[in-house]
Amino acid sequence: MIEAPSRTGDAIRDSLWSISRTMSGSFRGALRASRLTPPQFWILQNVESSGSLGATELSRRLCVRPPTLSGFLDRLVDDGLVARTVSPSDRRQVRIALTSQGSRALGRARTSLEGIWAERLAAVPERRRRAIGRALRDLERYLAVSADVSRPPRRPASPGRARRRPSL
């Protein structure tokens, strides 16, 4: 049985929503200076952390469908920020790697973002920042238990189309 949210739960949700809106605007502004969109930034960051990454794995990590990722990758390839390599042994497998230009763009974006975080958190004492960090990591773990974040959410059935019931 799922209990109704408590006042504390409501306050956490409201705070996270407010933080998300505030930081989202700052995040987009910082990335604009680097000529990256938020999805492009996350793609570059994931590719960099892995060295080279399969398109399917990258899609799973970012919780986006492969066709959506493909559109983002097309633009990143056109801009020279990533390179696609098709496996010679299995042409269905595509690897994504960061180019030197992509690495520089990611570095500029991170520098800009670090400046914003430093500015926003300057008034918060170091001890308090560590406590907030621990609390947020804990909250992230608790929330992940109830959500499968390894795959994108399913789209609801189109209006007017009956959803087929699974057979037993």
N, C-alpha and C. Protein backbone atom coordinates (compact mmCIF):
# COMPACT_ATOMS: atom_id res chain seq x y z
N MET A 1 0.84 -1.17 0.00
CA MET A 1 0.00 0.00 0.00
C MET A 1 0.89 1.24 0.00
N ILE A 2 0.56 2.17 -0.87
CA ILE A 2 1.33 3.41 -0.96
C ILE A 2 0.63 4.46 -0.12
N GLU A 3 1.42 5.08 0.76
CA GLU A 3 0.85 6.10 1.63
C GLU A 3 0.82 7.45 0.92
N ALA A 4 -0.11 8.30 1.32
CA ALA A 4 -0.18 9.65 0.78
C ALA A 4 1.09 10.41 1.19
N PRO A 5 1.57 11.32 0.34
CA PRO A 5 2.77 12.07 0.70
C PRO A 5 2.56 12.88 1.98
N SER A 6 3.60 12.96 2.76
CA SER A 6 3.54 13.74 3.98
C SER A 6 3.88 15.19 3.66
N ARG A 7 3.75 16.05 4.65
CA ARG A 7 4.14 17.44 4.46
C ARG A 7 5.64 17.53 4.16
N THR A 8 6.42 16.66 4.80
CA THR A 8 7.86 16.64 4.54
C THR A 8 8.11 16.21 3.10
N GLY A 9 7.39 15.19 2.64
CA GLY A 9 7.53 14.74 1.26
C GLY A 9 7.16 15.84 0.28
N ASP A 10 6.08 16.56 0.59
CA ASP A 10 5.66 17.68 -0.26
C ASP A 10 6.74 18.76 -0.29
N ALA A 11 7.33 19.04 0.86
CA ALA A 11 8.36 20.08 0.93
C ALA A 11 9.60 19.67 0.13
N ILE A 12 9.98 18.40 0.22
CA ILE A 12 11.13 17.90 -0.55
C ILE A 12 10.84 18.04 -2.04
N ARG A 13 9.66 17.57 -2.45
CA ARG A 13 9.29 17.66 -3.87
C ARG A 13 9.30 19.10 -4.35
N ASP A 14 8.71 20.00 -3.57
CA ASP A 14 8.65 21.40 -3.97
C ASP A 14 10.05 22.02 -4.05
N SER A 15 10.90 21.68 -3.09
CA SER A 15 12.28 22.20 -3.12
C SER A 15 13.04 21.68 -4.33
N LEU A 16 12.90 20.39 -4.62
CA LEU A 16 13.59 19.82 -5.77
C LEU A 16 13.10 20.46 -7.07
N TRP A 17 11.80 20.68 -7.16
CA TRP A 17 11.23 21.32 -8.34
C TRP A 17 11.80 22.74 -8.51
N SER A 18 11.84 23.49 -7.43
CA SER A 18 12.35 24.85 -7.49
C SER A 18 13.84 24.88 -7.86
N ILE A 19 14.62 23.99 -7.24
CA ILE A 19 16.04 23.89 -7.55
C ILE A 19 16.24 23.52 -9.02
N SER A 20 15.45 22.58 -9.47
CA SER A 20 15.56 22.13 -10.86
C SER A 20 15.29 23.27 -11.83
N ARG A 21 14.25 24.03 -11.60
CA ARG A 21 13.92 25.16 -12.49
C ARG A 21 15.03 26.20 -12.47
N THR A 22 15.52 26.54 -11.28
CA THR A 22 16.56 27.55 -11.15
C THR A 22 17.84 27.11 -11.84
N MET A 23 18.26 25.89 -11.56
CA MET A 23 19.52 25.40 -12.12
C MET A 23 19.40 25.12 -13.62
N SER A 24 18.23 24.74 -14.06
CA SER A 24 18.03 24.46 -15.48
C SER A 24 18.30 25.71 -16.31
N GLY A 25 17.78 26.84 -15.86
CA GLY A 25 18.02 28.10 -16.57
C GLY A 25 19.49 28.47 -16.57
N SER A 26 20.15 28.32 -15.43
CA SER A 26 21.59 28.62 -15.33
C SER A 26 22.40 27.66 -16.19
N PHE A 27 22.01 26.40 -16.17
CA PHE A 27 22.70 25.36 -16.92
C PHE A 27 22.63 25.67 -18.42
N ARG A 28 21.42 25.97 -18.90
CA ARG A 28 21.26 26.29 -20.33
C ARG A 28 22.07 27.52 -20.71
N GLY A 29 22.07 28.52 -19.83
CA GLY A 29 22.84 29.74 -20.11
C GLY A 29 24.33 29.46 -20.21
N ALA A 30 24.84 28.65 -19.30
CA ALA A 30 26.27 28.30 -19.32
C ALA A 30 26.62 27.51 -20.57
N LEU A 31 25.74 26.61 -20.96
CA LEU A 31 26.01 25.79 -22.14
C LEU A 31 25.88 26.61 -23.43
N ARG A 32 25.00 27.59 -23.43
CA ARG A 32 24.83 28.43 -24.61
C ARG A 32 26.15 29.10 -24.98
N ALA A 33 26.92 29.51 -23.97
CA ALA A 33 28.22 30.13 -24.23
C ALA A 33 29.17 29.13 -24.89
N SER A 34 28.96 27.85 -24.65
CA SER A 34 29.79 26.80 -25.25
C SER A 34 29.18 26.27 -26.54
N ARG A 35 28.02 26.81 -26.90
CA ARG A 35 27.30 26.38 -28.10
C ARG A 35 26.86 24.92 -28.04
N LEU A 36 26.49 24.51 -26.83
CA LEU A 36 25.98 23.14 -26.63
C LEU A 36 24.58 23.23 -26.04
N THR A 37 23.76 22.25 -26.35
CA THR A 37 22.46 22.11 -25.70
C THR A 37 22.65 21.15 -24.52
N PRO A 38 21.73 21.14 -23.56
CA PRO A 38 21.87 20.18 -22.46
C PRO A 38 21.99 18.73 -22.93
N PRO A 39 21.17 18.26 -23.88
CA PRO A 39 21.36 16.86 -24.31
C PRO A 39 22.74 16.62 -24.94
N GLN A 40 23.24 17.59 -25.70
CA GLN A 40 24.57 17.43 -26.29
C GLN A 40 25.63 17.33 -25.19
N PHE A 41 25.50 18.17 -24.17
CA PHE A 41 26.45 18.13 -23.06
C PHE A 41 26.46 16.75 -22.41
N TRP A 42 25.27 16.20 -22.11
CA TRP A 42 25.19 14.89 -21.45
C TRP A 42 25.74 13.79 -22.34
N ILE A 43 25.51 13.89 -23.64
CA ILE A 43 26.06 12.89 -24.56
C ILE A 43 27.59 12.97 -24.54
N LEU A 44 28.14 14.17 -24.69
CA LEU A 44 29.60 14.32 -24.70
C LEU A 44 30.20 13.83 -23.39
N GLN A 45 29.57 14.17 -22.29
CA GLN A 45 30.09 13.76 -20.98
C GLN A 45 30.10 12.24 -20.84
N ASN A 46 29.03 11.58 -21.26
CA ASN A 46 28.97 10.12 -21.18
C ASN A 46 29.98 9.46 -22.10
N VAL A 47 30.14 9.98 -23.30
CA VAL A 47 31.11 9.41 -24.23
C VAL A 47 32.52 9.60 -23.69
N GLU A 48 32.80 10.77 -23.16
CA GLU A 48 34.15 11.02 -22.61
C GLU A 48 34.46 10.07 -21.46
N SER A 49 33.49 9.86 -20.58
CA SER A 49 33.75 9.02 -19.40
C SER A 49 34.00 7.56 -19.79
N SER A 50 33.54 7.15 -20.97
CA SER A 50 33.72 5.76 -21.40
C SER A 50 34.82 5.59 -22.44
N GLY A 51 35.33 6.68 -22.96
CA GLY A 51 36.34 6.59 -24.01
C GLY A 51 35.68 6.38 -25.36
N SER A 52 34.93 5.36 -25.50
CA SER A 52 34.16 5.05 -26.70
C SER A 52 32.97 4.25 -26.21
N LEU A 53 31.84 4.45 -26.84
CA LEU A 53 30.62 3.87 -26.30
C LEU A 53 29.72 3.43 -27.45
N GLY A 54 29.06 2.29 -27.27
CA GLY A 54 28.09 1.84 -28.26
C GLY A 54 26.86 2.72 -28.21
N ALA A 55 26.25 2.93 -29.37
CA ALA A 55 25.07 3.79 -29.44
C ALA A 55 23.93 3.24 -28.58
N THR A 56 23.77 1.93 -28.55
CA THR A 56 22.70 1.33 -27.75
C THR A 56 22.94 1.57 -26.27
N GLU A 57 24.17 1.38 -25.82
CA GLU A 57 24.51 1.62 -24.42
C GLU A 57 24.32 3.09 -24.06
N LEU A 58 24.73 3.98 -24.94
CA LEU A 58 24.57 5.42 -24.69
C LEU A 58 23.09 5.77 -24.59
N SER A 59 22.28 5.21 -25.45
CA SER A 59 20.84 5.43 -25.41
C SER A 59 20.27 4.98 -24.06
N ARG A 60 20.71 3.82 -23.59
CA ARG A 60 20.24 3.30 -22.30
C ARG A 60 20.67 4.22 -21.16
N ARG A 61 21.93 4.65 -21.17
CA ARG A 61 22.43 5.52 -20.09
C ARG A 61 21.69 6.85 -20.02
N LEU A 62 21.33 7.39 -21.17
CA LEU A 62 20.67 8.69 -21.21
C LEU A 62 19.15 8.58 -21.10
N CYS A 63 18.65 7.34 -21.06
CA CYS A 63 17.20 7.10 -20.97
C CYS A 63 16.46 7.76 -22.12
N VAL A 64 17.00 7.61 -23.33
CA VAL A 64 16.33 8.09 -24.53
C VAL A 64 16.24 6.93 -25.52
N ARG A 65 15.29 7.00 -26.38
CA ARG A 65 15.13 5.96 -27.40
C ARG A 65 16.19 6.12 -28.48
N PRO A 66 16.64 5.02 -29.07
CA PRO A 66 17.68 5.09 -30.10
C PRO A 66 17.40 6.09 -31.23
N PRO A 67 16.16 6.18 -31.77
CA PRO A 67 15.94 7.17 -32.82
C PRO A 67 16.17 8.62 -32.36
N THR A 68 15.82 8.89 -31.11
CA THR A 68 16.03 10.23 -30.55
C THR A 68 17.53 10.50 -30.45
N LEU A 69 18.27 9.54 -29.92
CA LEU A 69 19.71 9.68 -29.80
C LEU A 69 20.35 9.88 -31.16
N SER A 70 19.88 9.15 -32.15
CA SER A 70 20.43 9.24 -33.49
C SER A 70 20.38 10.67 -34.03
N GLY A 71 19.28 11.36 -33.79
CA GLY A 71 19.15 12.75 -34.22
C GLY A 71 20.18 13.65 -33.54
N PHE A 72 20.37 13.46 -32.23
CA PHE A 72 21.38 14.24 -31.51
C PHE A 72 22.77 13.93 -32.05
N LEU A 73 23.04 12.66 -32.28
CA LEU A 73 24.37 12.27 -32.77
C LEU A 73 24.64 12.83 -34.16
N ASP A 74 23.61 12.86 -35.02
CA ASP A 74 23.79 13.43 -36.35
C ASP A 74 24.33 14.85 -36.25
N ARG A 75 23.73 15.64 -35.38
CA ARG A 75 24.16 17.04 -35.21
C ARG A 75 25.58 17.11 -34.63
N LEU A 76 25.88 16.27 -33.64
CA LEU A 76 27.22 16.27 -33.04
C LEU A 76 28.28 15.84 -34.05
N VAL A 77 27.95 14.88 -34.90
CA VAL A 77 28.88 14.44 -35.95
C VAL A 77 29.08 15.58 -36.95
N ASP A 78 27.98 16.20 -37.38
CA ASP A 78 28.06 17.33 -38.33
C ASP A 78 28.91 18.47 -37.78
N ASP A 79 28.82 18.68 -36.46
CA ASP A 79 29.60 19.76 -35.82
C ASP A 79 31.03 19.34 -35.49
N GLY A 80 31.38 18.08 -35.77
CA GLY A 80 32.73 17.60 -35.52
C GLY A 80 33.04 17.31 -34.07
N LEU A 81 32.02 17.12 -33.23
CA LEU A 81 32.24 16.91 -31.80
C LEU A 81 32.35 15.44 -31.42
N VAL A 82 31.73 14.55 -32.20
CA VAL A 82 31.88 13.11 -31.99
C VAL A 82 32.08 12.45 -33.36
N ALA A 83 32.59 11.23 -33.31
CA ALA A 83 32.76 10.43 -34.52
C ALA A 83 32.04 9.11 -34.32
N ARG A 84 31.38 8.66 -35.36
CA ARG A 84 30.73 7.35 -35.36
C ARG A 84 31.62 6.38 -36.09
N THR A 85 31.76 5.19 -35.52
CA THR A 85 32.53 4.14 -36.16
C THR A 85 31.68 2.88 -36.20
N VAL A 86 31.54 2.30 -37.37
CA VAL A 86 30.78 1.06 -37.53
C VAL A 86 31.74 -0.11 -37.36
N SER A 87 31.34 -1.10 -36.58
CA SER A 87 32.16 -2.28 -36.35
C SER A 87 32.32 -3.05 -37.66
N PRO A 88 33.57 -3.39 -38.03
CA PRO A 88 33.76 -4.14 -39.26
C PRO A 88 33.19 -5.56 -39.18
N SER A 89 33.09 -6.11 -37.99
CA SER A 89 32.58 -7.47 -37.83
C SER A 89 31.06 -7.53 -37.74
N ASP A 90 30.42 -6.43 -37.33
CA ASP A 90 28.96 -6.41 -37.21
C ASP A 90 28.50 -4.98 -37.51
N ARG A 91 28.04 -4.75 -38.70
CA ARG A 91 27.68 -3.41 -39.15
C ARG A 91 26.52 -2.81 -38.37
N ARG A 92 25.84 -3.62 -37.56
CA ARG A 92 24.76 -3.08 -36.72
C ARG A 92 25.32 -2.36 -35.50
N GLN A 93 26.56 -2.64 -35.14
CA GLN A 93 27.17 -2.03 -33.96
C GLN A 93 27.87 -0.73 -34.34
N VAL A 94 27.46 0.34 -33.69
CA VAL A 94 28.05 1.65 -33.94
C VAL A 94 28.68 2.14 -32.64
N ARG A 95 29.94 2.56 -32.72
CA ARG A 95 30.64 3.12 -31.57
C ARG A 95 30.72 4.63 -31.72
N ILE A 96 30.60 5.32 -30.61
CA ILE A 96 30.66 6.77 -30.59
C ILE A 96 31.90 7.17 -29.80
N ALA A 97 32.70 8.07 -30.38
CA ALA A 97 33.91 8.54 -29.71
C ALA A 97 33.96 10.06 -29.77
N LEU A 98 34.53 10.64 -28.76
CA LEU A 98 34.71 12.09 -28.68
C LEU A 98 35.87 12.51 -29.57
N THR A 99 35.71 13.58 -30.32
CA THR A 99 36.81 14.12 -31.12
C THR A 99 37.55 15.14 -30.26
N SER A 100 38.70 15.61 -30.74
CA SER A 100 39.44 16.63 -29.98
C SER A 100 38.61 17.91 -29.88
N GLN A 101 37.87 18.23 -30.92
CA GLN A 101 37.00 19.41 -30.89
C GLN A 101 35.88 19.21 -29.85
N GLY A 102 35.34 18.00 -29.76
CA GLY A 102 34.32 17.69 -28.77
C GLY A 102 34.87 17.79 -27.36
N SER A 103 36.10 17.34 -27.19
CA SER A 103 36.74 17.42 -25.88
C SER A 103 36.93 18.88 -25.45
N ARG A 104 37.33 19.73 -26.39
CA ARG A 104 37.49 21.16 -26.07
C ARG A 104 36.15 21.80 -25.73
N ALA A 105 35.11 21.49 -26.50
CA ALA A 105 33.78 22.05 -26.23
C ALA A 105 33.27 21.61 -24.85
N LEU A 106 33.50 20.35 -24.52
CA LEU A 106 33.09 19.84 -23.21
C LEU A 106 33.86 20.54 -22.10
N GLY A 107 35.15 20.76 -22.30
CA GLY A 107 35.96 21.47 -21.31
C GLY A 107 35.46 22.90 -21.08
N ARG A 108 35.13 23.60 -22.17
CA ARG A 108 34.60 24.97 -22.04
C ARG A 108 33.28 24.97 -21.27
N ALA A 109 32.42 24.00 -21.59
CA ALA A 109 31.12 23.93 -20.91
C ALA A 109 31.31 23.66 -19.42
N ARG A 110 32.20 22.75 -19.10
CA ARG A 110 32.44 22.44 -17.67
C ARG A 110 32.99 23.64 -16.92
N THR A 111 33.91 24.37 -17.54
CA THR A 111 34.47 25.55 -16.90
C THR A 111 33.37 26.57 -16.60
N SER A 112 32.48 26.76 -17.56
CA SER A 112 31.37 27.69 -17.38
C SER A 112 30.43 27.21 -16.27
N LEU A 113 30.12 25.93 -16.27
CA LEU A 113 29.25 25.38 -15.24
C LEU A 113 29.87 25.45 -13.85
N GLU A 114 31.17 25.18 -13.77
CA GLU A 114 31.86 25.26 -12.48
C GLU A 114 31.79 26.68 -11.93
N GLY A 115 31.91 27.66 -12.80
CA GLY A 115 31.81 29.06 -12.37
C GLY A 115 30.44 29.37 -11.78
N ILE A 116 29.42 28.87 -12.44
CA ILE A 116 28.05 29.10 -11.94
C ILE A 116 27.86 28.42 -10.59
N TRP A 117 28.29 27.15 -10.46
CA TRP A 117 28.15 26.45 -9.18
C TRP A 117 28.92 27.15 -8.08
N ALA A 118 30.14 27.59 -8.39
CA ALA A 118 30.96 28.28 -7.38
C ALA A 118 30.26 29.56 -6.92
N GLU A 119 29.71 30.29 -7.88
CA GLU A 119 29.01 31.53 -7.55
C GLU A 119 27.77 31.26 -6.70
N ARG A 120 26.99 30.26 -7.09
CA ARG A 120 25.75 29.95 -6.37
C ARG A 120 26.00 29.40 -4.97
N LEU A 121 27.07 28.64 -4.81
CA LEU A 121 27.32 27.99 -3.52
C LEU A 121 28.31 28.73 -2.63
N ALA A 122 28.80 29.87 -3.09
CA ALA A 122 29.83 30.61 -2.33
C ALA A 122 29.36 30.97 -0.92
N ALA A 123 28.09 31.27 -0.75
CA ALA A 123 27.59 31.69 0.57
C ALA A 123 27.32 30.51 1.50
N VAL A 124 27.40 29.29 0.98
CA VAL A 124 27.11 28.11 1.81
C VAL A 124 28.41 27.60 2.43
N PRO A 125 28.49 27.51 3.75
CA PRO A 125 29.71 27.02 4.37
C PRO A 125 30.06 25.60 3.90
N GLU A 126 31.35 25.32 3.81
CA GLU A 126 31.83 24.04 3.30
C GLU A 126 31.20 22.85 4.02
N ARG A 127 31.12 22.91 5.33
CA ARG A 127 30.54 21.80 6.11
C ARG A 127 29.08 21.56 5.70
N ARG A 128 28.36 22.63 5.50
CA ARG A 128 26.95 22.53 5.10
C ARG A 128 26.83 21.96 3.67
N ARG A 129 27.73 22.38 2.78
CA ARG A 129 27.73 21.84 1.40
C ARG A 129 27.93 20.33 1.41
N ARG A 130 28.87 19.86 2.24
CA ARG A 130 29.10 18.41 2.33
C ARG A 130 27.86 17.69 2.83
N ALA A 131 27.19 18.27 3.83
CA ALA A 131 25.97 17.65 4.37
C ALA A 131 24.86 17.62 3.31
N ILE A 132 24.71 18.70 2.56
CA ILE A 132 23.71 18.74 1.50
C ILE A 132 24.04 17.70 0.44
N GLY A 133 25.30 17.59 0.07
CA GLY A 133 25.73 16.59 -0.91
C GLY A 133 25.40 15.18 -0.47
N ARG A 134 25.68 14.88 0.80
CA ARG A 134 25.36 13.54 1.33
C ARG A 134 23.86 13.29 1.29
N ALA A 135 23.08 14.29 1.71
CA ALA A 135 21.62 14.13 1.73
C ALA A 135 21.07 13.93 0.32
N LEU A 136 21.60 14.65 -0.63
CA LEU A 136 21.11 14.50 -2.01
C LEU A 136 21.49 13.13 -2.59
N ARG A 137 22.70 12.66 -2.30
CA ARG A 137 23.09 11.31 -2.76
C ARG A 137 22.19 10.25 -2.13
N ASP A 138 21.89 10.41 -0.84
CA ASP A 138 20.98 9.47 -0.18
C ASP A 138 19.60 9.50 -0.83
N LEU A 139 19.07 10.70 -1.07
CA LEU A 139 17.76 10.83 -1.69
C LEU A 139 17.76 10.19 -3.08
N GLU A 140 18.83 10.40 -3.83
CA GLU A 140 18.94 9.80 -5.16
C GLU A 140 18.87 8.28 -5.07
N ARG A 141 19.57 7.70 -4.10
CA ARG A 141 19.55 6.24 -3.93
C ARG A 141 18.15 5.76 -3.54
N TYR A 142 17.50 6.46 -2.62
CA TYR A 142 16.17 6.06 -2.19
C TYR A 142 15.18 6.13 -3.35
N LEU A 143 15.27 7.17 -4.15
CA LEU A 143 14.35 7.32 -5.27
C LEU A 143 14.63 6.29 -6.36
N ALA A 144 15.89 5.94 -6.56
CA ALA A 144 16.26 4.96 -7.60
C ALA A 144 15.72 3.57 -7.27
N VAL A 145 15.52 3.26 -6.01
CA VAL A 145 15.01 1.95 -5.62
C VAL A 145 13.62 1.74 -6.22
N SER A 146 12.83 2.79 -6.30
CA SER A 146 11.45 2.63 -6.78
C SER A 146 11.30 2.93 -8.27
N ALA A 147 12.40 3.26 -8.95
CA ALA A 147 12.30 3.57 -10.38
C ALA A 147 13.41 2.87 -11.14
N ASP A 148 13.05 2.27 -12.25
CA ASP A 148 14.06 1.66 -13.11
C ASP A 148 14.56 2.74 -14.05
N VAL A 149 15.69 3.35 -13.71
CA VAL A 149 16.22 4.46 -14.51
C VAL A 149 17.12 3.97 -15.62
N SER A 150 17.22 2.66 -15.81
CA SER A 150 18.10 2.14 -16.84
C SER A 150 17.45 2.12 -18.21
N ARG A 151 16.16 2.41 -18.30
CA ARG A 151 15.52 2.43 -19.62
C ARG A 151 14.51 3.57 -19.66
N PRO A 152 14.26 4.08 -20.87
CA PRO A 152 13.31 5.20 -20.99
C PRO A 152 11.91 4.76 -20.60
N PRO A 153 11.12 5.70 -20.09
CA PRO A 153 9.74 5.35 -19.74
C PRO A 153 8.96 5.00 -21.01
N ARG A 154 7.99 4.13 -20.88
CA ARG A 154 7.16 3.75 -22.01
C ARG A 154 6.21 4.88 -22.34
N ARG A 155 5.96 5.05 -23.62
CA ARG A 155 4.97 6.04 -24.05
C ARG A 155 3.58 5.49 -23.81
N PRO A 156 2.66 6.35 -23.38
CA PRO A 156 1.29 5.87 -23.23
C PRO A 156 0.71 5.57 -24.61
N ALA A 157 -0.30 4.71 -24.63
CA ALA A 157 -0.97 4.38 -25.89
C ALA A 157 -1.56 5.65 -26.48
N SER A 158 -1.56 5.72 -27.80
CA SER A 158 -2.15 6.88 -28.48
C SER A 158 -3.64 6.95 -28.17
N PRO A 159 -4.17 8.17 -28.07
CA PRO A 159 -5.62 8.29 -27.83
C PRO A 159 -6.38 7.59 -28.96
N GLY A 160 -7.42 6.89 -28.61
CA GLY A 160 -8.22 6.22 -29.62
C GLY A 160 -7.73 4.82 -29.97
N ARG A 161 -6.53 4.47 -29.55
CA ARG A 161 -6.01 3.13 -29.81
C ARG A 161 -6.07 2.33 -28.52
N ALA A 162 -6.73 1.23 -28.58
CA ALA A 162 -6.82 0.37 -27.40
C ALA A 162 -5.48 -0.31 -27.18
N ARG A 163 -5.07 -0.38 -25.96
CA ARG A 163 -3.84 -1.05 -25.61
C ARG A 163 -4.12 -2.53 -25.48
N ARG A 164 -3.32 -3.34 -26.13
CA ARG A 164 -3.50 -4.78 -26.06
C ARG A 164 -3.11 -5.29 -24.68
N ARG A 165 -3.93 -6.15 -24.15
CA ARG A 165 -3.60 -6.75 -22.85
C ARG A 165 -2.63 -7.90 -23.08
N PRO A 166 -1.63 -8.02 -22.22
CA PRO A 166 -0.71 -9.14 -22.38
C PRO A 166 -1.42 -10.46 -22.14
N SER A 167 -1.05 -11.45 -22.92
CA SER A 167 -1.68 -12.76 -22.73
C SER A 167 -1.00 -13.46 -21.55
N LEU A 168 -1.76 -14.26 -20.86
CA LEU A 168 -1.23 -14.95 -19.69
C LEU A 168 -0.75 -16.31 -20.01
